[in-house]
All heavy atoms as atom14 arrays in JSON, in Angstrom:
{
  "sequence": "SVGIYLAVGLVGIPVFAAGGGPAYLIRPTFGFLLG",
  "atom14_mask": [
    [1, 1, 1, 1, 1, 1, 0, 0, 0, 0, 0, 0, 0, 0],
    [1, 1, 1, 1, 1, 1, 1, 0, 0, 0, 0, 0, 0, 0],
    [1, 1, 1, 1, 0, 0, 0, 0, 0, 0, 0, 0, 0, 0],
    [1, 1, 1, 1, 1, 1, 1, 1, 0, 0, 0, 0, 0, 0],
    [1, 1, 1, 1, 1, 1, 1, 1, 1, 1, 1, 1, 0, 0],
    [1, 1, 1, 1, 1, 1, 1, 1, 0, 0, 0, 0, 0, 0],
    [1, 1, 1, 1, 1, 0, 0, 0, 0, 0, 0, 0, 0, 0],
    [1, 1, 1, 1, 1, 1, 1, 0, 0, 0, 0, 0, 0, 0],
    [1, 1, 1, 1, 0, 0, 0, 0, 0, 0, 0, 0, 0, 0],
    [1, 1, 1, 1, 1, 1, 1, 1, 0, 0, 0, 0, 0, 0],
    [1, 1, 1, 1, 1, 1, 1, 0, 0, 0, 0, 0, 0, 0],
    [1, 1, 1, 1, 0, 0, 0, 0, 0, 0, 0, 0, 0, 0],
    [1, 1, 1, 1, 1, 1, 1, 1, 0, 0, 0, 0, 0, 0],
    [1, 1, 1, 1, 1, 1, 1, 0, 0, 0, 0, 0, 0, 0],
    [1, 1, 1, 1, 1, 1, 1, 0, 0, 0, 0, 0, 0, 0],
    [1, 1, 1, 1, 1, 1, 1, 1, 1, 1, 1, 0, 0, 0],
    [1, 1, 1, 1, 1, 0, 0, 0, 0, 0, 0, 0, 0, 0],
    [1, 1, 1, 1, 1, 0, 0, 0, 0, 0, 0, 0, 0, 0],
    [1, 1, 1, 1, 0, 0, 0, 0, 0, 0, 0, 0, 0, 0],
    [1, 1, 1, 1, 0, 0, 0, 0, 0, 0, 0, 0, 0, 0],
    [1, 1, 1, 1, 0, 0, 0, 0, 0, 0, 0, 0, 0, 0],
    [1, 1, 1, 1, 1, 1, 1, 0, 0, 0, 0, 0, 0, 0],
    [1, 1, 1, 1, 1, 0, 0, 0, 0, 0, 0, 0, 0, 0],
    [1, 1, 1, 1, 1, 1, 1, 1, 1, 1, 1, 1, 0, 0],
    [1, 1, 1, 1, 1, 1, 1, 1, 0, 0, 0, 0, 0, 0],
    [1, 1, 1, 1, 1, 1, 1, 1, 0, 0, 0, 0, 0, 0],
    [1, 1, 1, 1, 1, 1, 1, 1, 1, 1, 1, 0, 0, 0],
    [1, 1, 1, 1, 1, 1, 1, 0, 0, 0, 0, 0, 0, 0],
    [1, 1, 1, 1, 1, 1, 1, 0, 0, 0, 0, 0, 0, 0],
    [1, 1, 1, 1, 1, 1, 1, 1, 1, 1, 1, 0, 0, 0],
    [1, 1, 1, 1, 0, 0, 0, 0, 0, 0, 0, 0, 0, 0],
    [1, 1, 1, 1, 1, 1, 1, 1, 1, 1, 1, 0, 0, 0],
    [1, 1, 1, 1, 1, 1, 1, 1, 0, 0, 0, 0, 0, 0],
    [1, 1, 1, 1, 1, 1, 1, 1, 0, 0, 0, 0, 0, 0],
    [1, 1, 1, 1, 0, 0, 0, 0, 0, 0, 0, 0, 0, 0]
  ],
  "atom14_positions": [
    [[0.83, -1.21, 0.0], [0.0, 0.0, 0.0], [0.87, 1.26, 0.0], [0.57, 2.23, -0.72], [-0.94, 0.0, 1.21], [-0.25, 0.23, 2.41], [0.0, 0.0, 0.0], [0.0, 0.0, 0.0], [0.0, 0.0, 0.0], [0.0, 0.0, 0.0], [0.0, 0.0, 0.0], [0.0, 0.0, 0.0], [0.0, 0.0, 0.0], [0.0, 0.0, 0.0]],
    [[1.96, 1.25, 0.78], [2.87, 2.4, 0.77], [3.59, 2.48, -0.58], [3.81, 3.58, -1.11], [3.9, 2.29, 1.92], [4.91, 3.43, 1.83], [3.2, 2.33, 3.27], [0.0, 0.0, 0.0], [0.0, 0.0, 0.0], [0.0, 0.0, 0.0], [0.0, 0.0, 0.0], [0.0, 0.0, 0.0], [0.0, 0.0, 0.0], [0.0, 0.0, 0.0]],
    [[3.94, 1.32, -1.15], [4.58, 1.32, -2.47], [3.7, 1.93, -3.53], [4.18, 2.65, -4.42], [0.0, 0.0, 0.0], [0.0, 0.0, 0.0], [0.0, 0.0, 0.0], [0.0, 0.0, 0.0], [0.0, 0.0, 0.0], [0.0, 0.0, 0.0], [0.0, 0.0, 0.0], [0.0, 0.0, 0.0], [0.0, 0.0, 0.0], [0.0, 0.0, 0.0]],
    [[2.4, 1.65, -3.46], [1.45, 2.26, -4.41], [1.46, 3.77, -4.26], [1.5, 4.52, -5.25], [0.03, 1.7, -4.17], [-0.04, 0.23, -4.55], [-1.0, 2.51, -4.97], [-1.33, -0.44, -4.16], [0.0, 0.0, 0.0], [0.0, 0.0, 0.0], [0.0, 0.0, 0.0], [0.0, 0.0, 0.0], [0.0, 0.0, 0.0], [0.0, 0.0, 0.0]],
    [[1.43, 4.23, -3.02], [1.47, 5.67, -2.75], [2.74, 6.31, -3.32], [2.68, 7.36, -3.98], [1.38, 5.9, -1.25], [1.78, 7.28, -0.81], [1.0, 8.39, -1.13], [2.96, 7.49, -0.08], [1.38, 9.67, -0.73], [3.34, 8.76, 0.32], [2.54, 9.84, -0.01], [2.93, 11.11, 0.37], [0.0, 0.0, 0.0], [0.0, 0.0, 0.0]],
    [[3.89, 5.67, -3.11], [5.16, 6.2, -3.62], [5.16, 6.23, -5.15], [5.63, 7.2, -5.76], [6.33, 5.37, -3.11], [6.59, 5.4, -1.6], [7.76, 4.49, -1.25], [6.86, 6.82, -1.11], [0.0, 0.0, 0.0], [0.0, 0.0, 0.0], [0.0, 0.0, 0.0], [0.0, 0.0, 0.0], [0.0, 0.0, 0.0], [0.0, 0.0, 0.0]],
    [[4.66, 5.16, -5.77], [4.64, 5.1, -7.23], [3.77, 6.19, -7.82], [4.13, 6.84, -8.81], [4.15, 3.72, -7.68], [0.0, 0.0, 0.0], [0.0, 0.0, 0.0], [0.0, 0.0, 0.0], [0.0, 0.0, 0.0], [0.0, 0.0, 0.0], [0.0, 0.0, 0.0], [0.0, 0.0, 0.0], [0.0, 0.0, 0.0], [0.0, 0.0, 0.0]],
    [[2.61, 6.42, -7.2], [1.7, 7.46, -7.68], [2.38, 8.83, -7.6], [2.28, 9.65, -8.53], [0.4, 7.46, -6.85], [-0.43, 8.71, -7.13], [-0.42, 6.21, -7.16], [0.0, 0.0, 0.0], [0.0, 0.0, 0.0], [0.0, 0.0, 0.0], [0.0, 0.0, 0.0], [0.0, 0.0, 0.0], [0.0, 0.0, 0.0], [0.0, 0.0, 0.0]],
    [[3.09, 9.08, -6.51], [3.77, 10.36, -6.36], [4.93, 10.53, -7.32], [5.14, 11.62, -7.89], [0.0, 0.0, 0.0], [0.0, 0.0, 0.0], [0.0, 0.0, 0.0], [0.0, 0.0, 0.0], [0.0, 0.0, 0.0], [0.0, 0.0, 0.0], [0.0, 0.0, 0.0], [0.0, 0.0, 0.0], [0.0, 0.0, 0.0], [0.0, 0.0, 0.0]],
    [[5.67, 9.47, -7.55], [6.85, 9.57, -8.41], [6.5, 9.74, -9.9], [7.32, 10.23, -10.67], [7.75, 8.34, -8.23], [8.51, 8.28, -6.9], [9.25, 6.96, -6.76], [9.48, 9.46, -6.77], [0.0, 0.0, 0.0], [0.0, 0.0, 0.0], [0.0, 0.0, 0.0], [0.0, 0.0, 0.0], [0.0, 0.0, 0.0], [0.0, 0.0, 0.0]],
    [[5.31, 9.31, -10.29], [4.92, 9.52, -11.7], [4.45, 10.95, -11.95], [4.2, 11.33, -13.1], [3.84, 8.52, -12.16], [4.34, 7.09, -12.07], [2.55, 8.7, -11.37], [0.0, 0.0, 0.0], [0.0, 0.0, 0.0], [0.0, 0.0, 0.0], [0.0, 0.0, 0.0], [0.0, 0.0, 0.0], [0.0, 0.0, 0.0], [0.0, 0.0, 0.0]],
    [[4.31, 11.73, -10.89], [3.99, 13.14, -11.09], [2.75, 13.65, -10.41], [2.49, 14.86, -10.41], [0.0, 0.0, 0.0], [0.0, 0.0, 0.0], [0.0, 0.0, 0.0], [0.0, 0.0, 0.0], [0.0, 0.0, 0.0], [0.0, 0.0, 0.0], [0.0, 0.0, 0.0], [0.0, 0.0, 0.0], [0.0, 0.0, 0.0], [0.0, 0.0, 0.0]],
    [[1.94, 12.76, -9.85], [0.73, 13.22, -9.15], [1.15, 13.8, -7.8], [1.87, 13.15, -7.03], [-0.26, 12.05, -8.96], [-0.66, 11.51, -10.34], [-1.5, 12.5, -8.18], [-1.53, 10.29, -10.3], [0.0, 0.0, 0.0], [0.0, 0.0, 0.0], [0.0, 0.0, 0.0], [0.0, 0.0, 0.0], [0.0, 0.0, 0.0], [0.0, 0.0, 0.0]],
    [[0.74, 15.02, -7.48], [1.24, 15.71, -6.28], [0.63, 15.22, -4.97], [-0.16, 15.9, -4.32], [0.87, 17.18, -6.55], [-0.36, 17.09, -7.39], [-0.17, 15.87, -8.27], [0.0, 0.0, 0.0], [0.0, 0.0, 0.0], [0.0, 0.0, 0.0], [0.0, 0.0, 0.0], [0.0, 0.0, 0.0], [0.0, 0.0, 0.0], [0.0, 0.0, 0.0]],
    [[1.01, 14.01, -4.58], [0.48, 13.43, -3.34], [1.49, 13.52, -2.2], [1.17, 13.12, -1.07], [0.05, 11.96, -3.55], [-1.14, 11.87, -4.48], [1.21, 11.13, -4.07], [0.0, 0.0, 0.0], [0.0, 0.0, 0.0], [0.0, 0.0, 0.0], [0.0, 0.0, 0.0], [0.0, 0.0, 0.0], [0.0, 0.0, 0.0], [0.0, 0.0, 0.0]],
    [[2.7, 14.0, -2.5], [3.68, 14.19, -1.44], [3.46, 15.56, -0.79], [2.79, 16.43, -1.35], [5.1, 14.1, -1.99], [5.44, 12.77, -2.62], [6.37, 12.69, -3.65], [4.83, 11.6, -2.18], [6.69, 11.47, -4.23], [5.14, 10.38, -2.75], [6.07, 10.31, -3.78], [0.0, 0.0, 0.0], [0.0, 0.0, 0.0], [0.0, 0.0, 0.0]],
    [[4.06, 15.77, 0.36], [3.84, 17.01, 1.1], [4.3, 18.24, 0.32], [3.76, 19.33, 0.5], [4.57, 16.94, 2.44], [0.0, 0.0, 0.0], [0.0, 0.0, 0.0], [0.0, 0.0, 0.0], [0.0, 0.0, 0.0], [0.0, 0.0, 0.0], [0.0, 0.0, 0.0], [0.0, 0.0, 0.0], [0.0, 0.0, 0.0], [0.0, 0.0, 0.0]],
    [[5.3, 18.06, -0.57], [5.79, 19.2, -1.35], [5.67, 18.95, -2.85], [6.45, 19.45, -3.64], [7.24, 19.5, -0.99], [0.0, 0.0, 0.0], [0.0, 0.0, 0.0], [0.0, 0.0, 0.0], [0.0, 0.0, 0.0], [0.0, 0.0, 0.0], [0.0, 0.0, 0.0], [0.0, 0.0, 0.0], [0.0, 0.0, 0.0], [0.0, 0.0, 0.0]],
    [[4.66, 18.17, -3.25], [4.45, 17.95, -4.68], [4.59, 16.51, -5.1], [4.05, 15.61, -4.45], [0.0, 0.0, 0.0], [0.0, 0.0, 0.0], [0.0, 0.0, 0.0], [0.0, 0.0, 0.0], [0.0, 0.0, 0.0], [0.0, 0.0, 0.0], [0.0, 0.0, 0.0], [0.0, 0.0, 0.0], [0.0, 0.0, 0.0], [0.0, 0.0, 0.0]],
    [[5.31, 16.27, -6.17], [5.5, 14.93, -6.7], [6.41, 14.95, -7.91], [6.96, 15.99, -8.27], [0.0, 0.0, 0.0], [0.0, 0.0, 0.0], [0.0, 0.0, 0.0], [0.0, 0.0, 0.0], [0.0, 0.0, 0.0], [0.0, 0.0, 0.0], [0.0, 0.0, 0.0], [0.0, 0.0, 0.0], [0.0, 0.0, 0.0], [0.0, 0.0, 0.0]],
    [[6.59, 13.79, -8.55], [7.44, 13.69, -9.73], [8.75, 12.96, -9.44], [9.17, 12.86, -8.27], [0.0, 0.0, 0.0], [0.0, 0.0, 0.0], [0.0, 0.0, 0.0], [0.0, 0.0, 0.0], [0.0, 0.0, 0.0], [0.0, 0.0, 0.0], [0.0, 0.0, 0.0], [0.0, 0.0, 0.0], [0.0, 0.0, 0.0], [0.0, 0.0, 0.0]],
    [[9.42, 12.45, -10.46], [10.66, 11.69, -10.28], [11.81, 12.5, -9.67], [12.72, 11.94, -9.05], [11.02, 11.23, -11.7], [10.25, 12.14, -12.61], [9.01, 12.5, -11.88], [0.0, 0.0, 0.0], [0.0, 0.0, 0.0], [0.0, 0.0, 0.0], [0.0, 0.0, 0.0], [0.0, 0.0, 0.0], [0.0, 0.0, 0.0], [0.0, 0.0, 0.0]],
    [[11.76, 13.83, -9.82], [12.8, 14.67, -9.22], [12.81, 14.58, -7.7], [13.78, 14.95, -7.06], [12.62, 16.12, -9.67], [0.0, 0.0, 0.0], [0.0, 0.0, 0.0], [0.0, 0.0, 0.0], [0.0, 0.0, 0.0], [0.0, 0.0, 0.0], [0.0, 0.0, 0.0], [0.0, 0.0, 0.0], [0.0, 0.0, 0.0], [0.0, 0.0, 0.0]],
    [[11.73, 14.08, -7.15], [11.63, 13.93, -5.7], [12.69, 12.97, -5.16], [13.05, 13.0, -3.98], [10.24, 13.44, -5.32], [9.61, 14.19, -4.16], [8.77, 15.28, -4.39], [9.85, 13.82, -2.84], [8.19, 15.97, -3.34], [9.27, 14.52, -1.79], [8.45, 15.58, -2.04], [7.88, 16.28, -1.0], [0.0, 0.0, 0.0], [0.0, 0.0, 0.0]],
    [[13.19, 12.09, -6.04], [14.21, 11.12, -5.63], [15.49, 11.8, -5.13], [16.21, 11.24, -4.31], [14.53, 10.17, -6.78], [13.45, 9.14, -7.13], [13.79, 8.46, -8.45], [13.31, 8.11, -6.02], [0.0, 0.0, 0.0], [0.0, 0.0, 0.0], [0.0, 0.0, 0.0], [0.0, 0.0, 0.0], [0.0, 0.0, 0.0], [0.0, 0.0, 0.0]],
    [[15.79, 12.98, -5.65], [17.0, 13.68, -5.21], [16.67, 14.81, -4.23], [17.5, 15.67, -3.96], [17.81, 14.24, -6.4], [16.98, 15.21, -7.24], [18.36, 13.11, -7.26], [17.79, 15.95, -8.29], [0.0, 0.0, 0.0], [0.0, 0.0, 0.0], [0.0, 0.0, 0.0], [0.0, 0.0, 0.0], [0.0, 0.0, 0.0], [0.0, 0.0, 0.0]],
    [[15.46, 14.77, -3.71], [15.1, 15.7, -2.64], [15.51, 15.05, -1.32], [15.16, 13.89, -1.06], [13.6, 15.98, -2.67], [13.16, 17.07, -1.71], [11.65, 17.3, -1.8], [11.21, 18.31, -0.84], [11.16, 19.6, -1.06], [11.53, 20.07, -2.25], [10.75, 20.44, -0.13], [0.0, 0.0, 0.0], [0.0, 0.0, 0.0], [0.0, 0.0, 0.0]],
    [[16.24, 15.75, -0.47], [16.74, 15.12, 0.77], [15.66, 14.48, 1.64], [15.94, 13.49, 2.32], [17.42, 16.29, 1.48], [17.85, 17.21, 0.39], [16.75, 17.12, -0.63], [0.0, 0.0, 0.0], [0.0, 0.0, 0.0], [0.0, 0.0, 0.0], [0.0, 0.0, 0.0], [0.0, 0.0, 0.0], [0.0, 0.0, 0.0], [0.0, 0.0, 0.0]],
    [[14.47, 15.02, 1.61], [13.41, 14.49, 2.49], [12.75, 13.22, 1.94], [11.88, 12.64, 2.61], [12.34, 15.55, 2.73], [11.86, 16.04, 1.46], [12.9, 16.72, 3.54], [0.0, 0.0, 0.0], [0.0, 0.0, 0.0], [0.0, 0.0, 0.0], [0.0, 0.0, 0.0], [0.0, 0.0, 0.0], [0.0, 0.0, 0.0], [0.0, 0.0, 0.0]],
    [[13.13, 12.77, 0.75], [12.5, 11.57, 0.19], [12.78, 10.34, 1.05], [12.01, 9.38, 1.03], [12.99, 11.32, -1.24], [12.29, 10.16, -1.91], [10.98, 10.29, -2.33], [12.95, 8.95, -2.11], [10.32, 9.23, -2.94], [12.31, 7.88, -2.71], [10.99, 8.02, -3.13], [0.0, 0.0, 0.0], [0.0, 0.0, 0.0], [0.0, 0.0, 0.0]],
    [[13.85, 10.35, 1.79], [14.16, 9.22, 2.66], [13.07, 8.95, 3.68], [12.86, 7.8, 4.1], [0.0, 0.0, 0.0], [0.0, 0.0, 0.0], [0.0, 0.0, 0.0], [0.0, 0.0, 0.0], [0.0, 0.0, 0.0], [0.0, 0.0, 0.0], [0.0, 0.0, 0.0], [0.0, 0.0, 0.0], [0.0, 0.0, 0.0], [0.0, 0.0, 0.0]],
    [[12.35, 9.99, 4.09], [11.25, 9.78, 5.02], [10.08, 9.07, 4.34], [9.38, 8.27, 4.97], [10.79, 11.12, 5.61], [11.78, 11.7, 6.58], [12.64, 12.72, 6.19], [11.87, 11.22, 7.88], [13.57, 13.25, 7.08], [12.78, 11.74, 8.78], [13.64, 12.76, 8.38], [0.0, 0.0, 0.0], [0.0, 0.0, 0.0], [0.0, 0.0, 0.0]],
    [[9.88, 9.35, 3.06], [8.83, 8.65, 2.32], [9.18, 7.17, 2.18], [8.32, 6.3, 2.34], [8.64, 9.29, 0.94], [8.14, 10.74, 0.95], [8.08, 11.29, -0.47], [6.78, 10.83, 1.61], [0.0, 0.0, 0.0], [0.0, 0.0, 0.0], [0.0, 0.0, 0.0], [0.0, 0.0, 0.0], [0.0, 0.0, 0.0], [0.0, 0.0, 0.0]],
    [[10.44, 6.87, 1.9], [10.88, 5.47, 1.88], [10.7, 4.83, 3.26], [10.38, 3.65, 3.38], [12.35, 5.38, 1.47], [12.68, 5.61, -0.01], [14.19, 5.54, -0.21], [12.0, 4.56, -0.88], [0.0, 0.0, 0.0], [0.0, 0.0, 0.0], [0.0, 0.0, 0.0], [0.0, 0.0, 0.0], [0.0, 0.0, 0.0], [0.0, 0.0, 0.0]],
    [[10.92, 5.64, 4.28], [10.78, 5.15, 5.64], [9.38, 4.66, 5.96], [9.21, 3.75, 6.78], [0.0, 0.0, 0.0], [0.0, 0.0, 0.0], [0.0, 0.0, 0.0], [0.0, 0.0, 0.0], [0.0, 0.0, 0.0], [0.0, 0.0, 0.0], [0.0, 0.0, 0.0], [0.0, 0.0, 0.0], [0.0, 0.0, 0.0], [0.0, 0.0, 0.0]]
  ]
}
C-alpha cells in the first residue's frame, strides 16, 4: 500500500507534502517517504 502511494507520487501526481514527480528522488526528504 505504501509502495502504491510512492509510485503514484513519483509519476507526477502531487500526493507528497511538497508535490511529486521523479525529481523527488533527489530531494533530501525523500528518505522519510521510503521510511
